Protein backbone atom coordinates (compact mmCIF):
# COMPACT_ATOMS: atom_id res chain seq x y z
CA MET A 1 -112.70 102.96 52.46
CA SER A 2 -110.09 103.23 49.72
CA THR A 3 -108.35 105.93 47.72
CA VAL A 4 -109.55 105.85 44.13
CA GLY A 5 -106.72 107.84 42.56
CA PRO A 6 -108.49 108.59 39.26
CA ARG A 7 -106.94 110.36 36.29
CA VAL A 8 -108.48 113.80 35.90
CA LEU A 9 -108.42 115.58 32.54
CA ARG A 10 -109.49 119.12 31.73
CA VAL A 11 -112.14 119.43 29.03
CA GLY A 12 -112.49 123.01 27.89
CA GLU A 13 -112.72 125.75 30.52
CA ARG A 14 -115.43 124.37 32.81
CA ALA A 15 -115.41 120.57 32.52
CA LEU A 16 -113.42 117.66 33.93
CA LEU A 17 -113.24 114.09 32.67
CA VAL A 18 -112.47 111.57 35.40
CA GLU A 19 -111.00 108.30 34.11
CA LEU A 20 -111.51 105.22 36.30
CA GLY A 21 -111.07 101.46 36.13
CA GLY A 22 -114.65 100.69 35.15
CA GLY A 23 -117.23 98.47 36.78
CA ALA A 24 -117.82 98.90 40.50
CA GLU A 25 -115.05 101.51 40.76
CA THR A 26 -116.78 103.87 38.36
CA GLU A 27 -120.18 103.25 39.93
CA ALA A 28 -118.82 103.88 43.44
CA PHE A 29 -117.14 107.09 42.32
CA HIS A 30 -120.34 108.32 40.68
CA ALA A 31 -122.31 107.50 43.83
CA GLU A 32 -119.74 109.40 45.91
CA LEU A 33 -120.14 112.45 43.68
CA LEU A 34 -123.90 112.38 44.16
CA ARG A 35 -123.56 111.88 47.91
CA ARG A 36 -121.18 114.83 48.27
CA ARG A 37 -123.34 117.07 46.09
CA ALA A 38 -126.43 116.21 48.16
CA ALA A 39 -124.48 117.00 51.34
CA GLY A 40 -123.26 120.33 49.94
CA ALA A 41 -119.66 119.10 50.00
CA LEU A 42 -119.06 119.26 46.25
CA PRO A 43 -118.04 122.47 44.46
CA ALA A 44 -120.81 123.64 42.14
CA VAL A 45 -121.18 121.30 39.14
CA ARG A 46 -123.96 121.74 36.59
CA GLU A 47 -124.04 118.17 35.29
CA ILE A 48 -122.58 114.78 36.21
CA VAL A 49 -122.50 112.27 33.35
CA PRO A 50 -121.29 108.72 34.17
CA ALA A 51 -120.15 106.22 31.53
CA ALA A 52 -118.52 102.78 31.64
CA ARG A 53 -115.04 104.00 32.65
CA THR A 54 -115.40 107.75 32.99
CA VAL A 55 -117.45 110.42 34.72
CA LEU A 56 -117.79 113.82 33.05
CA LEU A 57 -118.28 116.84 35.29
CA ASP A 58 -119.64 119.73 33.26
CA GLY A 59 -120.12 123.32 34.30
CA VAL A 60 -117.64 123.13 37.19
CA ALA A 61 -117.47 126.41 39.09
CA ASP A 62 -113.88 125.89 40.26
CA PRO A 63 -112.29 123.23 38.00
CA ASP A 64 -108.72 123.79 39.23
CA ARG A 65 -109.69 123.18 42.83
CA LEU A 66 -111.79 120.12 42.08
CA ALA A 67 -109.18 118.61 39.73
CA ALA A 68 -106.62 118.86 42.55
CA GLU A 69 -108.97 117.30 45.12
CA LEU A 70 -110.40 114.34 43.18
CA PRO A 71 -107.31 112.06 43.09
CA GLY A 72 -107.13 112.07 46.88
CA TRP A 73 -110.77 111.29 47.59
CA GLU A 74 -111.64 108.42 49.90
CA VAL A 75 -114.50 106.54 48.24
CA GLY A 76 -116.53 104.10 50.29
CA PRO A 77 -118.16 100.86 49.10
CA LEU A 78 -121.03 101.08 46.66
CA HIS A 79 -124.44 101.18 48.30
CA ALA A 80 -127.82 100.86 46.64
CA ARG A 81 -129.55 104.13 45.93
CA ALA A 82 -132.34 105.00 48.33
CA GLY A 83 -135.89 105.17 47.02
CA GLY A 84 -136.92 101.57 46.47
CA THR A 85 -136.66 99.28 43.49
CA VAL A 86 -138.18 99.76 40.04
CA GLU A 87 -139.90 96.57 38.89
CA VAL A 88 -139.98 95.98 35.14
CA PRO A 89 -142.49 93.34 33.94
CA VAL A 90 -141.09 91.29 31.06
CA ARG A 91 -142.54 88.84 28.56
CA TYR A 92 -139.54 86.54 28.30
CA GLY A 93 -139.40 84.91 24.90
CA GLY A 94 -137.22 87.19 22.81
CA PRO A 95 -135.66 85.82 19.62
CA ASP A 96 -132.27 85.35 21.30
CA LEU A 97 -133.41 83.88 24.62
CA ALA A 98 -132.73 80.29 23.58
CA GLU A 99 -129.27 81.23 22.32
CA VAL A 100 -128.48 83.11 25.54
CA ALA A 101 -129.57 80.08 27.59
CA ALA A 102 -127.25 77.90 25.48
CA LEU A 103 -124.35 80.32 26.00
CA TRP A 104 -124.99 80.16 29.74
CA GLY A 105 -125.21 76.38 29.64
CA VAL A 106 -128.68 76.32 31.23
CA SER A 107 -132.29 75.71 30.20
CA VAL A 108 -134.52 78.56 29.03
CA ASP A 109 -136.48 78.37 32.27
CA GLU A 110 -133.27 78.61 34.30
CA ALA A 111 -132.07 81.56 32.22
CA VAL A 112 -135.30 83.38 33.06
CA ARG A 113 -134.88 82.50 36.75
CA ILE A 114 -131.33 83.83 36.71
CA HIS A 115 -132.39 87.11 35.12
CA THR A 116 -135.44 87.66 37.33
CA GLY A 117 -133.48 86.63 40.42
CA THR A 118 -130.79 89.27 39.93
CA ASP A 119 -130.69 92.63 41.71
CA PHE A 120 -129.71 95.12 39.02
CA ARG A 121 -128.42 98.66 39.31
CA VAL A 122 -128.28 101.34 36.61
CA ALA A 123 -124.57 102.04 36.21
CA PHE A 124 -124.96 104.80 33.63
CA CYS A 125 -127.18 105.92 30.76
CA GLY A 126 -126.45 106.54 27.10
CA PHE A 127 -127.00 105.40 23.51
CA ALA A 128 -130.54 106.85 23.50
CA PRO A 129 -132.60 108.92 25.98
CA GLY A 130 -133.83 106.58 28.70
CA PHE A 131 -131.44 103.72 27.89
CA GLY A 132 -129.77 102.51 31.08
CA TYR A 133 -126.81 100.15 31.28
CA LEU A 134 -127.68 97.79 34.14
CA THR A 135 -125.11 95.77 36.06
CA GLY A 136 -125.69 92.91 38.47
CA LEU A 137 -125.35 89.68 36.51
CA ASP A 138 -122.41 87.49 37.48
CA GLU A 139 -119.51 87.92 35.05
CA ARG A 140 -119.94 84.33 33.81
CA TYR A 141 -123.24 85.43 32.25
CA GLY A 142 -121.68 88.01 29.96
CA VAL A 143 -122.70 87.43 26.32
CA PRO A 144 -121.30 88.82 23.05
CA ARG A 145 -123.16 91.22 20.84
CA ARG A 146 -124.70 89.71 17.74
CA ALA A 147 -122.31 89.30 14.82
CA THR A 148 -124.79 91.15 12.60
CA PRO A 149 -126.79 93.93 14.32
CA ARG A 150 -130.49 94.18 13.63
CA THR A 151 -131.61 97.15 11.57
CA ALA A 152 -134.60 97.71 13.87
CA VAL A 153 -135.03 96.55 17.46
CA PRO A 154 -138.58 97.07 18.78
CA ALA A 155 -139.16 99.55 21.59
CA GLY A 156 -139.37 97.80 24.95
CA SER A 157 -136.93 95.05 24.02
CA VAL A 158 -135.02 93.68 27.01
CA ALA A 159 -131.51 92.83 25.89
CA LEU A 160 -128.06 91.66 26.98
CA ALA A 161 -124.57 92.54 25.78
CA GLY A 162 -121.29 91.98 27.60
CA PRO A 163 -121.95 92.42 31.34
CA TYR A 164 -124.98 94.69 30.81
CA THR A 165 -128.74 94.39 30.59
CA GLY A 166 -130.66 97.18 28.87
CA VAL A 167 -134.15 98.06 27.65
CA TYR A 168 -134.56 99.82 24.32
CA PRO A 169 -136.72 102.92 24.96
CA ARG A 170 -137.57 103.30 21.28
CA SER A 171 -137.15 101.37 18.05
CA SER A 172 -133.59 101.62 16.76
CA PRO A 173 -130.80 99.54 15.22
CA GLY A 174 -128.99 97.37 17.74
CA GLY A 175 -126.74 94.38 18.21
CA TRP A 176 -127.70 93.25 21.70
CA GLN A 177 -129.17 89.80 22.43
CA LEU A 178 -132.97 90.14 22.80
CA ILE A 179 -134.49 88.02 25.58
CA GLY A 180 -137.90 89.63 26.10
CA THR A 181 -140.12 92.70 25.89
CA THR A 182 -141.75 95.09 28.33
CA ASP A 183 -144.54 97.66 28.14
CA ALA A 184 -142.78 99.89 30.68
CA VAL A 185 -142.26 103.43 29.38
CA LEU A 186 -138.54 104.13 29.66
CA TRP A 187 -138.59 107.75 28.47
CA ASP A 188 -141.45 110.23 28.79
CA VAL A 189 -140.77 113.96 28.53
CA ALA A 190 -144.08 114.65 30.29
CA ARG A 191 -142.84 112.74 33.34
CA GLU A 192 -140.50 114.04 36.05
CA PRO A 193 -137.93 112.65 35.78
CA ALA A 194 -138.33 111.72 32.12
CA ALA A 195 -136.14 108.62 32.47
CA LEU A 196 -137.59 105.64 34.35
CA LEU A 197 -134.10 104.27 34.96
CA ALA A 198 -131.63 106.87 36.20
CA PRO A 199 -128.03 106.10 37.27
CA GLY A 200 -128.03 104.42 40.69
CA THR A 201 -131.60 103.11 40.42
CA ARG A 202 -132.17 99.55 41.63
CA VAL A 203 -134.10 97.36 39.19
CA ARG A 204 -135.77 93.94 39.28
CA PHE A 205 -137.24 92.19 36.25
CA THR A 206 -140.36 90.05 36.67
CA ALA A 207 -141.72 87.42 34.27
CA VAL A 208 -145.35 88.04 33.25
CA ASP A 209 -146.02 85.66 30.33
CA VAL A 210 -145.37 81.93 30.71
CA THR A 211 -146.58 81.28 27.16
CA ALA A 212 -143.70 83.27 25.69
CA VAL A 213 -141.23 81.29 27.80
CA ALA A 214 -142.77 78.02 26.62
CA THR A 215 -142.32 79.09 23.00
CA ALA A 216 -138.68 79.95 23.67
CA ARG A 217 -138.23 76.58 25.36
CA VAL A 218 -139.32 74.84 22.16
CA ALA A 219 -136.96 77.02 20.13
CA ALA A 220 -134.11 76.04 22.45
CA GLU A 221 -134.36 72.46 21.24
CA GLY A 222 -133.08 73.64 17.89
CA VAL A 223 -130.16 75.50 19.46
CA ARG A 224 -128.75 72.50 21.28
């Protein structure tokens, strides 16, 4: 156990913005918030919104009390969220897969094995409804965004940027590296919950189309 010591800022009359160091620290703090709320040990909060380095607490019943308590919290190590793992089937063979493999210094087949062999966790959501920022890849596999973003990324595109993996829930502009596609429905307002990937959810990607990988393997010859 360790003391987080976050910076807590007031936002309006009923909200607090908690600034953290990012990465596992932010994820652990978010998980602790959820744990305390589930146990009835958190003052009433209407909404908890995690981001890369912050957590917004909106609709706080007693913001003064909570703002005074948060810096002294003892936050335990990050544990996977209960409820099993969401498996996302992927046709690996996106237009940037060969380039990503080259950046990693591995073959296309090895890049797919690395991605499918990783245990991911949804750190936070944003950008578009249903878009989760997934962590889990080793830091050496971080990749830059594309120098020129695409004007339209197809819905279901599995993509990488920096330390994150994400899946585009709908067609939109985007600058992430596209490595595959999935038919999984990321956002459905008729479903409860609407988002397939909520913060804390564990995720595994599975390869379902060897033909697409073979095509990317051929493309990789032109990248080297």
